[in-house]
Amino acid sequence: MSSKLPGLPVIVLGVIGFAAFLGTLLGAASLVVCACVARARAGRSLTASLVAATALCGVVVMVLTLG
């Protein structure tokens, strides 16, 4: 009976690619939080900045995920 799963090298490359994608998203999220905190120190509302950033980042992730 033949297996429908890809070979081990393909799975490993897929895991590496997925980890790189998640790392990129986490790095971007970290930069956004730092920017929101910096804006809060300058007198802006941290809550409003984080809510707006969450909405905008969510749209970007949705577009990247759904294509």
N, C-alpha and C. Protein backbone atom coordinates (compact mmCIF):
# COMPACT_ATOMS: atom_id res chain seq x y z
N MET A 1 0.85 -1.16 0.00
CA MET A 1 0.00 0.00 0.00
C MET A 1 0.90 1.24 0.00
N SER A 2 0.61 2.18 -0.89
CA SER A 2 1.47 3.36 -0.97
C SER A 2 1.02 4.43 0.02
N SER A 3 1.99 5.15 0.54
CA SER A 3 1.71 6.21 1.50
C SER A 3 1.39 7.51 0.76
N LYS A 4 0.42 8.23 1.26
CA LYS A 4 0.05 9.51 0.65
C LYS A 4 0.81 10.67 1.28
N LEU A 5 1.61 10.41 2.31
CA LEU A 5 2.39 11.46 2.96
C LEU A 5 3.63 11.78 2.14
N PRO A 6 4.06 13.05 2.16
CA PRO A 6 5.31 13.38 1.47
C PRO A 6 6.51 12.77 2.21
N GLY A 7 7.63 12.76 1.55
CA GLY A 7 8.83 12.20 2.15
C GLY A 7 9.34 13.06 3.31
N LEU A 8 10.23 12.49 4.10
CA LEU A 8 10.78 13.17 5.27
C LEU A 8 11.47 14.49 4.92
N PRO A 9 12.27 14.58 3.85
CA PRO A 9 12.89 15.87 3.54
C PRO A 9 11.86 16.97 3.25
N VAL A 10 10.77 16.63 2.61
CA VAL A 10 9.73 17.62 2.31
C VAL A 10 9.05 18.08 3.60
N ILE A 11 8.79 17.16 4.51
CA ILE A 11 8.19 17.51 5.80
C ILE A 11 9.12 18.42 6.59
N VAL A 12 10.41 18.10 6.61
CA VAL A 12 11.38 18.93 7.33
C VAL A 12 11.44 20.34 6.74
N LEU A 13 11.47 20.45 5.42
CA LEU A 13 11.47 21.77 4.78
C LEU A 13 10.18 22.54 5.08
N GLY A 14 9.08 21.85 5.13
CA GLY A 14 7.81 22.49 5.47
C GLY A 14 7.80 23.02 6.89
N VAL A 15 8.33 22.23 7.82
CA VAL A 15 8.41 22.66 9.22
C VAL A 15 9.33 23.87 9.35
N ILE A 16 10.45 23.86 8.66
CA ILE A 16 11.39 24.99 8.71
C ILE A 16 10.73 26.24 8.12
N GLY A 17 10.05 26.10 7.00
CA GLY A 17 9.37 27.23 6.39
C GLY A 17 8.28 27.79 7.28
N PHE A 18 7.51 26.91 7.91
CA PHE A 18 6.45 27.35 8.81
C PHE A 18 7.03 28.06 10.03
N ALA A 19 8.13 27.53 10.57
CA ALA A 19 8.78 28.17 11.72
C ALA A 19 9.31 29.55 11.35
N ALA A 20 9.84 29.68 10.15
CA ALA A 20 10.32 30.99 9.70
C ALA A 20 9.16 31.97 9.54
N PHE A 21 8.03 31.50 9.03
CA PHE A 21 6.84 32.34 8.89
C PHE A 21 6.35 32.80 10.26
N LEU A 22 6.27 31.88 11.22
CA LEU A 22 5.84 32.26 12.57
C LEU A 22 6.84 33.21 13.22
N GLY A 23 8.12 32.97 13.02
CA GLY A 23 9.14 33.86 13.57
C GLY A 23 9.03 35.27 13.02
N THR A 24 8.72 35.37 11.73
CA THR A 24 8.53 36.68 11.12
C THR A 24 7.33 37.40 11.73
N LEU A 25 6.23 36.67 11.91
CA LEU A 25 5.04 37.27 12.52
C LEU A 25 5.30 37.70 13.95
N LEU A 26 6.00 36.87 14.72
CA LEU A 26 6.29 37.23 16.11
C LEU A 26 7.24 38.41 16.19
N GLY A 27 8.20 38.48 15.29
CA GLY A 27 9.11 39.62 15.26
C GLY A 27 8.37 40.91 14.93
N ALA A 28 7.46 40.84 13.97
CA ALA A 28 6.67 42.02 13.61
C ALA A 28 5.77 42.43 14.78
N ALA A 29 5.17 41.46 15.45
CA ALA A 29 4.31 41.77 16.60
C ALA A 29 5.11 42.43 17.71
N SER A 30 6.31 41.98 17.92
CA SER A 30 7.18 42.57 18.94
C SER A 30 7.49 44.03 18.62
N LEU A 31 7.78 44.31 17.36
CA LEU A 31 8.06 45.69 16.95
C LEU A 31 6.83 46.58 17.10
N VAL A 32 5.67 46.04 16.81
CA VAL A 32 4.44 46.81 16.93
C VAL A 32 4.17 47.15 18.39
N VAL A 33 4.35 46.18 19.28
CA VAL A 33 4.13 46.44 20.71
C VAL A 33 5.12 47.49 21.21
N CYS A 34 6.36 47.39 20.80
CA CYS A 34 7.36 48.39 21.20
C CYS A 34 6.97 49.78 20.71
N ALA A 35 6.47 49.87 19.49
CA ALA A 35 6.04 51.16 18.95
C ALA A 35 4.84 51.70 19.73
N CYS A 36 3.91 50.83 20.11
CA CYS A 36 2.74 51.27 20.88
C CYS A 36 3.15 51.77 22.26
N VAL A 37 4.09 51.09 22.89
CA VAL A 37 4.57 51.52 24.21
C VAL A 37 5.29 52.86 24.09
N ALA A 38 6.08 53.04 23.03
CA ALA A 38 6.78 54.31 22.82
C ALA A 38 5.77 55.44 22.61
N ARG A 39 4.70 55.17 21.88
CA ARG A 39 3.67 56.19 21.68
C ARG A 39 2.96 56.51 22.98
N ALA A 40 2.77 55.48 23.83
CA ALA A 40 2.11 55.70 25.11
C ALA A 40 2.96 56.58 26.01
N ARG A 41 4.27 56.41 25.94
CA ARG A 41 5.17 57.26 26.74
C ARG A 41 5.15 58.70 26.24
N ALA A 42 4.78 58.89 24.99
CA ALA A 42 4.71 60.24 24.42
C ALA A 42 3.35 60.89 24.67
N GLY A 43 2.49 60.21 25.41
CA GLY A 43 1.22 60.81 25.79
C GLY A 43 -0.01 60.23 25.11
N ARG A 44 0.15 59.28 24.26
CA ARG A 44 -1.00 58.67 23.59
C ARG A 44 -1.54 57.52 24.44
N SER A 45 -2.74 57.10 24.16
CA SER A 45 -3.38 56.01 24.89
C SER A 45 -2.79 54.66 24.45
N LEU A 46 -2.26 53.91 25.41
CA LEU A 46 -1.70 52.60 25.10
C LEU A 46 -2.79 51.64 24.64
N THR A 47 -3.94 51.70 25.30
CA THR A 47 -5.04 50.80 24.95
C THR A 47 -5.50 51.04 23.51
N ALA A 48 -5.72 52.29 23.15
CA ALA A 48 -6.18 52.60 21.79
C ALA A 48 -5.14 52.19 20.75
N SER A 49 -3.87 52.43 21.07
CA SER A 49 -2.80 52.05 20.13
C SER A 49 -2.74 50.55 19.93
N LEU A 50 -2.86 49.80 21.02
CA LEU A 50 -2.80 48.34 20.92
C LEU A 50 -4.02 47.78 20.19
N VAL A 51 -5.19 48.35 20.44
CA VAL A 51 -6.40 47.88 19.75
C VAL A 51 -6.28 48.15 18.25
N ALA A 52 -5.84 49.35 17.89
CA ALA A 52 -5.68 49.68 16.47
C ALA A 52 -4.62 48.80 15.82
N ALA A 53 -3.52 48.58 16.51
CA ALA A 53 -2.45 47.74 15.95
C ALA A 53 -2.91 46.30 15.79
N THR A 54 -3.69 45.81 16.76
CA THR A 54 -4.21 44.45 16.68
C THR A 54 -5.12 44.30 15.46
N ALA A 55 -5.99 45.27 15.26
CA ALA A 55 -6.90 45.22 14.11
C ALA A 55 -6.13 45.25 12.79
N LEU A 56 -5.17 46.17 12.68
CA LEU A 56 -4.41 46.28 11.43
C LEU A 56 -3.54 45.05 11.18
N CYS A 57 -2.89 44.54 12.23
CA CYS A 57 -2.07 43.34 12.06
C CYS A 57 -2.94 42.13 11.73
N GLY A 58 -4.12 42.08 12.31
CA GLY A 58 -5.04 40.99 12.02
C GLY A 58 -5.45 40.98 10.56
N VAL A 59 -5.67 42.16 10.00
CA VAL A 59 -6.02 42.25 8.58
C VAL A 59 -4.87 41.78 7.71
N VAL A 60 -3.66 42.19 8.06
CA VAL A 60 -2.48 41.77 7.28
C VAL A 60 -2.30 40.26 7.34
N VAL A 61 -2.41 39.68 8.54
CA VAL A 61 -2.27 38.23 8.68
C VAL A 61 -3.38 37.51 7.92
N MET A 62 -4.59 38.04 7.95
CA MET A 62 -5.69 37.43 7.21
C MET A 62 -5.42 37.43 5.72
N VAL A 63 -4.93 38.56 5.21
CA VAL A 63 -4.63 38.64 3.77
C VAL A 63 -3.51 37.67 3.39
N LEU A 64 -2.47 37.60 4.24
CA LEU A 64 -1.37 36.67 3.96
C LEU A 64 -1.82 35.22 4.03
N THR A 65 -2.71 34.93 4.96
CA THR A 65 -3.13 33.54 5.15
C THR A 65 -4.13 33.11 4.06
N LEU A 66 -5.08 33.96 3.77
CA LEU A 66 -6.12 33.59 2.81
C LEU A 66 -5.74 33.89 1.37
N GLY A 67 -4.73 34.74 1.21
CA GLY A 67 -4.24 35.05 -0.13
C GLY A 67 -5.11 36.01 -0.83
